[in-house]
Amino acid sequence: MSDQLGQGAERDGQPLARALGELATDMHAQRDNAALLQTIVEATVHIVPGTRWAGISLIEGRQVTPREPSDPLVAELDELQRRLDEGPCLSALRDHETVRIDNTAADERWPKYARAARERGVHSVLSFRLFVERQTLGSLNLYADHDDAFDDDALAIGGIVAQHAAVAMIGSAAEAQFQTALAGRDVIGQAKGILMHRDGLTGLQAFALLTRVSQRTNTRLLAVARFLVEDQESNARRPDQQG
């Protein structure tokens, strides 16, 4: 293990194994996606030797979006890659591989990006694809202000951090989807209750009515139910407002 890693890990008197263990615990404790990503970025700067700045690029639809950069410079570099359509982060996503730039002044793979990065004080870059099985989530991007910053230890440790991060991100997304589904089920249940009380319908009849409205208006069932619930709540408040 390199001296550089030892210095980084000992900022709080922690060996690498303990730092990674605490990262896993911290990621699990986060309750929203932004906090999770920020935790990953901060840990990356702390744990991976040579790292001065870090950030995450997320795949959102057809776009690659920078999230929770440790410094505005990182967001600027991500935006530069998007505008130029070239760079290590994009290549990590497209080619499904880890990408390293040891010296931005000498790199010929992405000349426009490398030149712009150098002008901004970035000398080395390391990008890891964030993925679980075949699903690519984005990339974890590391930056340094000196040449040859990322050695084999940095590659190995950064890869472990990226694996931890990807699993945590998948878990967070699944939890968010589950909570959304629960909330949607509650709204539909409320809408059914309104129809049952107002129109004297059974539960099945109320659900069938909501479904028919959804199909006829080409509107999602949840949106139909939410409209009915919000309309009911608005009507319930109206007498108080007039008084």
Protein backbone atom coordinates (compact mmCIF):
# COMPACT_ATOMS: atom_id res chain seq x y z
CA MET A 1 0.00 0.00 0.00
CA SER A 2 1.40 3.39 -0.93
CA ASP A 3 2.53 6.04 1.57
CA GLN A 4 0.02 8.39 -0.01
CA LEU A 5 -2.82 6.06 0.87
CA GLY A 6 -1.49 5.71 4.38
CA GLN A 7 -1.52 9.49 4.84
CA GLY A 8 -5.04 9.72 3.47
CA ALA A 9 -6.37 6.90 5.60
CA GLU A 10 -4.73 8.22 8.76
CA ARG A 11 -6.34 11.66 8.68
CA ASP A 12 -8.77 10.25 11.27
CA GLY A 13 -6.50 7.40 12.38
CA GLN A 14 -8.34 4.90 10.19
CA PRO A 15 -6.89 2.06 8.16
CA LEU A 16 -8.35 1.43 4.73
CA ALA A 17 -10.63 -1.42 5.83
CA ARG A 18 -12.19 0.73 8.52
CA ALA A 19 -12.62 3.67 6.15
CA LEU A 20 -14.42 1.46 3.64
CA GLY A 21 -16.56 -0.04 6.39
CA GLU A 22 -17.58 3.40 7.60
CA LEU A 23 -18.34 4.43 4.03
CA ALA A 24 -20.75 1.50 3.70
CA THR A 25 -22.42 2.45 6.98
CA ASP A 26 -22.64 6.13 6.05
CA MET A 27 -24.14 5.36 2.65
CA HIS A 28 -26.77 3.10 4.19
CA ALA A 29 -27.74 5.87 6.63
CA GLN A 30 -28.56 8.43 3.92
CA ARG A 31 -32.26 9.03 3.31
CA ASP A 32 -32.15 10.84 -0.01
CA ASN A 33 -30.19 10.50 -3.22
CA ALA A 34 -28.36 13.83 -3.00
CA ALA A 35 -27.03 13.03 0.47
CA LEU A 36 -25.94 9.58 -0.70
CA LEU A 37 -24.03 10.99 -3.67
CA GLN A 38 -22.40 13.65 -1.51
CA THR A 39 -21.28 10.96 0.94
CA ILE A 40 -19.73 8.97 -1.91
CA VAL A 41 -17.88 11.98 -3.31
CA GLU A 42 -16.53 13.10 0.07
CA ALA A 43 -15.36 9.57 0.88
CA THR A 44 -13.67 9.26 -2.52
CA VAL A 45 -11.57 12.37 -1.88
CA HIS A 46 -10.69 11.07 1.57
CA ILE A 47 -9.96 7.44 0.75
CA VAL A 48 -8.52 7.19 -2.77
CA PRO A 49 -4.85 8.24 -2.82
CA GLY A 50 -3.96 11.16 -5.07
CA THR A 51 -7.49 12.55 -5.29
CA ARG A 52 -7.89 16.33 -4.98
CA TRP A 53 -11.43 16.67 -6.38
CA ALA A 54 -14.22 14.24 -7.23
CA GLY A 55 -17.72 14.09 -8.61
CA ILE A 56 -20.35 11.77 -10.02
CA SER A 57 -21.88 11.85 -13.50
CA LEU A 58 -25.32 10.23 -13.56
CA ILE A 59 -27.15 8.82 -16.55
CA GLU A 60 -30.61 10.40 -16.49
CA GLY A 61 -32.59 9.40 -19.54
CA ARG A 62 -30.39 10.27 -22.49
CA GLN A 63 -28.42 12.88 -20.58
CA VAL A 64 -25.29 12.62 -18.45
CA THR A 65 -25.71 14.97 -15.50
CA PRO A 66 -23.01 16.08 -13.02
CA ARG A 67 -24.07 15.61 -9.39
CA GLU A 68 -22.65 16.66 -6.02
CA PRO A 69 -19.18 17.82 -7.18
CA SER A 70 -16.64 18.39 -4.42
CA ASP A 71 -15.67 21.65 -6.14
CA PRO A 72 -17.24 23.85 -8.85
CA LEU A 73 -14.28 22.91 -11.05
CA VAL A 74 -15.63 19.35 -11.28
CA ALA A 75 -19.03 20.52 -12.55
CA GLU A 76 -17.23 22.75 -15.05
CA LEU A 77 -15.22 19.81 -16.38
CA ASP A 78 -18.34 17.65 -16.66
CA GLU A 79 -20.13 20.37 -18.59
CA LEU A 80 -17.06 20.71 -20.82
CA GLN A 81 -17.19 17.01 -21.67
CA ARG A 82 -20.88 17.25 -22.45
CA ARG A 83 -20.31 20.21 -24.74
CA LEU A 84 -17.29 18.68 -26.50
CA ASP A 85 -18.78 15.16 -26.50
CA GLU A 86 -15.40 13.78 -25.49
CA GLY A 87 -13.51 12.98 -22.32
CA PRO A 88 -12.61 10.22 -19.85
CA CYS A 89 -15.96 10.20 -18.02
CA LEU A 90 -17.94 9.73 -21.22
CA SER A 91 -15.53 7.04 -22.41
CA ALA A 92 -15.87 5.18 -19.10
CA LEU A 93 -19.63 5.11 -19.68
CA ARG A 94 -19.57 4.29 -23.37
CA ASP A 95 -16.75 1.74 -23.36
CA HIS A 96 -17.59 0.15 -19.98
CA GLU A 97 -14.07 0.51 -18.66
CA THR A 98 -11.95 2.44 -16.17
CA VAL A 99 -10.20 5.39 -17.81
CA ARG A 100 -7.03 7.08 -16.56
CA ILE A 101 -5.17 10.19 -17.71
CA ASP A 102 -1.71 10.40 -16.17
CA ASN A 103 -0.76 13.72 -17.74
CA THR A 104 -3.34 15.99 -19.37
CA ALA A 105 -0.55 17.88 -21.15
CA ALA A 106 0.46 14.73 -23.03
CA ASP A 107 -2.86 12.92 -23.53
CA GLU A 108 -3.91 12.61 -27.18
CA ARG A 109 -7.20 10.71 -26.81
CA TRP A 110 -9.31 13.77 -26.01
CA PRO A 111 -7.14 16.74 -27.03
CA LYS A 112 -9.71 19.50 -26.54
CA TYR A 113 -10.78 18.23 -23.15
CA ALA A 114 -7.23 17.54 -21.97
CA ARG A 115 -6.06 21.01 -22.96
CA ALA A 116 -8.99 22.68 -21.20
CA ALA A 117 -8.49 20.54 -18.08
CA ARG A 118 -4.80 21.43 -17.98
CA GLU A 119 -5.61 25.12 -18.23
CA ARG A 120 -7.80 24.70 -15.14
CA GLY A 121 -5.05 23.05 -13.10
CA VAL A 122 -6.14 19.44 -13.59
CA HIS A 123 -3.17 17.19 -14.36
CA SER A 124 -4.54 13.67 -13.77
CA VAL A 125 -7.99 12.12 -14.16
CA LEU A 126 -9.44 8.75 -13.18
CA SER A 127 -12.99 7.69 -14.13
CA PHE A 128 -14.77 4.55 -12.95
CA ARG A 129 -17.98 3.23 -14.45
CA LEU A 130 -20.67 2.86 -11.80
CA PHE A 131 -22.63 -0.28 -12.59
CA VAL A 132 -24.43 -3.28 -11.11
CA GLU A 133 -24.47 -6.33 -13.36
CA ARG A 134 -25.36 -4.88 -16.78
CA GLN A 135 -26.95 -1.65 -15.58
CA THR A 136 -24.76 1.42 -15.90
CA LEU A 137 -25.68 4.19 -13.45
CA GLY A 138 -22.99 6.74 -14.23
CA SER A 139 -19.34 7.34 -13.50
CA LEU A 140 -17.25 8.24 -10.46
CA ASN A 141 -14.68 10.83 -11.52
CA LEU A 142 -11.47 11.68 -9.68
CA TYR A 143 -9.12 14.59 -10.39
CA ALA A 144 -5.65 15.60 -9.22
CA ASP A 145 -3.46 18.69 -9.50
CA HIS A 146 -0.23 16.83 -10.31
CA ASP A 147 0.93 14.37 -12.97
CA ASP A 148 0.85 10.58 -12.42
CA ALA A 149 -1.38 11.03 -9.37
CA PHE A 150 -3.24 7.74 -9.66
CA ASP A 151 -1.10 4.62 -9.26
CA ASP A 152 -2.16 0.97 -9.09
CA ASP A 153 -3.26 1.40 -5.47
CA ALA A 154 -5.55 4.25 -6.49
CA LEU A 155 -7.00 2.09 -9.26
CA ALA A 156 -7.68 -0.79 -6.87
CA ILE A 157 -9.07 1.32 -4.03
CA GLY A 158 -11.09 3.52 -6.35
CA GLY A 159 -12.58 0.42 -7.93
CA ILE A 160 -13.72 -0.84 -4.53
CA VAL A 161 -15.25 2.53 -3.67
CA ALA A 162 -17.04 2.57 -7.03
CA GLN A 163 -18.45 -0.92 -6.42
CA HIS A 164 -19.69 0.07 -2.96
CA ALA A 165 -21.19 3.23 -4.41
CA ALA A 166 -23.02 1.51 -7.27
CA VAL A 167 -24.63 -1.04 -4.95
CA ALA A 168 -25.73 1.72 -2.57
CA MET A 169 -27.14 3.77 -5.44
CA ILE A 170 -29.15 0.81 -6.75
CA GLY A 171 -30.49 0.18 -3.26
CA SER A 172 -31.43 3.83 -2.85
CA ALA A 173 -33.26 3.86 -6.18
CA ALA A 174 -35.16 0.69 -5.27
CA GLU A 175 -36.17 2.17 -1.91
CA ALA A 176 -37.37 5.37 -3.60
CA GLN A 177 -39.43 3.37 -6.08
CA PHE A 178 -40.92 1.32 -3.25
CA GLN A 179 -41.88 4.44 -1.30
CA THR A 180 -43.39 5.98 -4.42
CA ALA A 181 -45.42 2.83 -5.01
CA LEU A 182 -46.65 2.86 -1.41
CA ALA A 183 -47.63 6.51 -1.67
CA GLY A 184 -49.41 5.83 -4.96
CA ARG A 185 -51.32 2.94 -3.44
CA ASP A 186 -52.44 5.18 -0.57
CA VAL A 187 -53.67 7.88 -2.98
CA ILE A 188 -55.61 5.35 -5.05
CA GLY A 189 -57.10 3.94 -1.84
CA GLN A 190 -58.21 7.44 -0.79
CA ALA A 191 -59.78 8.04 -4.21
CA LYS A 192 -61.66 4.75 -3.99
CA GLY A 193 -62.92 5.72 -0.55
CA ILE A 194 -64.20 9.05 -1.86
CA LEU A 195 -66.15 7.36 -4.65
CA MET A 196 -67.51 4.68 -2.33
CA HIS A 197 -68.75 7.29 0.14
CA ARG A 198 -70.01 9.80 -2.42
CA ASP A 199 -71.55 7.46 -4.99
CA GLY A 200 -72.36 4.40 -2.91
CA LEU A 201 -69.98 2.16 -4.87
CA THR A 202 -68.21 -0.97 -3.76
CA GLY A 203 -64.43 -1.04 -3.68
CA LEU A 204 -64.28 -2.96 -6.96
CA GLN A 205 -66.74 -0.59 -8.63
CA ALA A 206 -64.80 2.46 -7.47
CA PHE A 207 -61.53 1.03 -8.80
CA ALA A 208 -63.20 0.11 -12.11
CA LEU A 209 -64.48 3.68 -12.45
CA LEU A 210 -61.03 5.14 -11.82
CA THR A 211 -59.59 2.75 -14.40
CA ARG A 212 -62.17 3.72 -17.03
CA VAL A 213 -61.48 7.42 -16.52
CA SER A 214 -57.76 6.73 -16.79
CA GLN A 215 -58.19 4.87 -20.08
CA ARG A 216 -60.64 7.35 -21.62
CA THR A 217 -58.53 10.39 -20.79
CA ASN A 218 -55.20 8.68 -21.49
CA THR A 219 -54.08 9.71 -18.01
CA ARG A 220 -52.17 7.59 -15.53
CA LEU A 221 -54.37 5.98 -12.89
CA LEU A 222 -52.37 7.60 -10.10
CA ALA A 223 -52.84 11.05 -11.66
CA VAL A 224 -56.61 10.51 -11.88
CA ALA A 225 -56.74 9.40 -8.26
CA ARG A 226 -54.58 12.30 -7.10
CA PHE A 227 -56.81 14.81 -8.92
CA LEU A 228 -59.90 13.38 -7.22
CA VAL A 229 -58.28 13.47 -3.77
CA GLU A 230 -56.97 17.01 -4.20
CA ASP A 231 -60.36 18.18 -5.50
CA GLN A 232 -62.06 16.65 -2.48
CA GLU A 233 -59.59 18.32 -0.12
CA SER A 234 -60.08 21.66 -1.87
CA ASN A 235 -63.86 21.41 -1.55
CA ALA A 236 -63.54 20.49 2.12
CA ARG A 237 -61.46 23.61 2.83
CA ARG A 238 -63.71 26.01 0.91
CA PRO A 239 -66.40 26.60 3.60
CA ASP A 240 -63.71 27.50 6.16
CA GLN A 241 -62.15 30.00 3.77
CA GLN A 242 -65.50 31.67 3.16
CA GLY A 243 -66.19 31.90 6.87
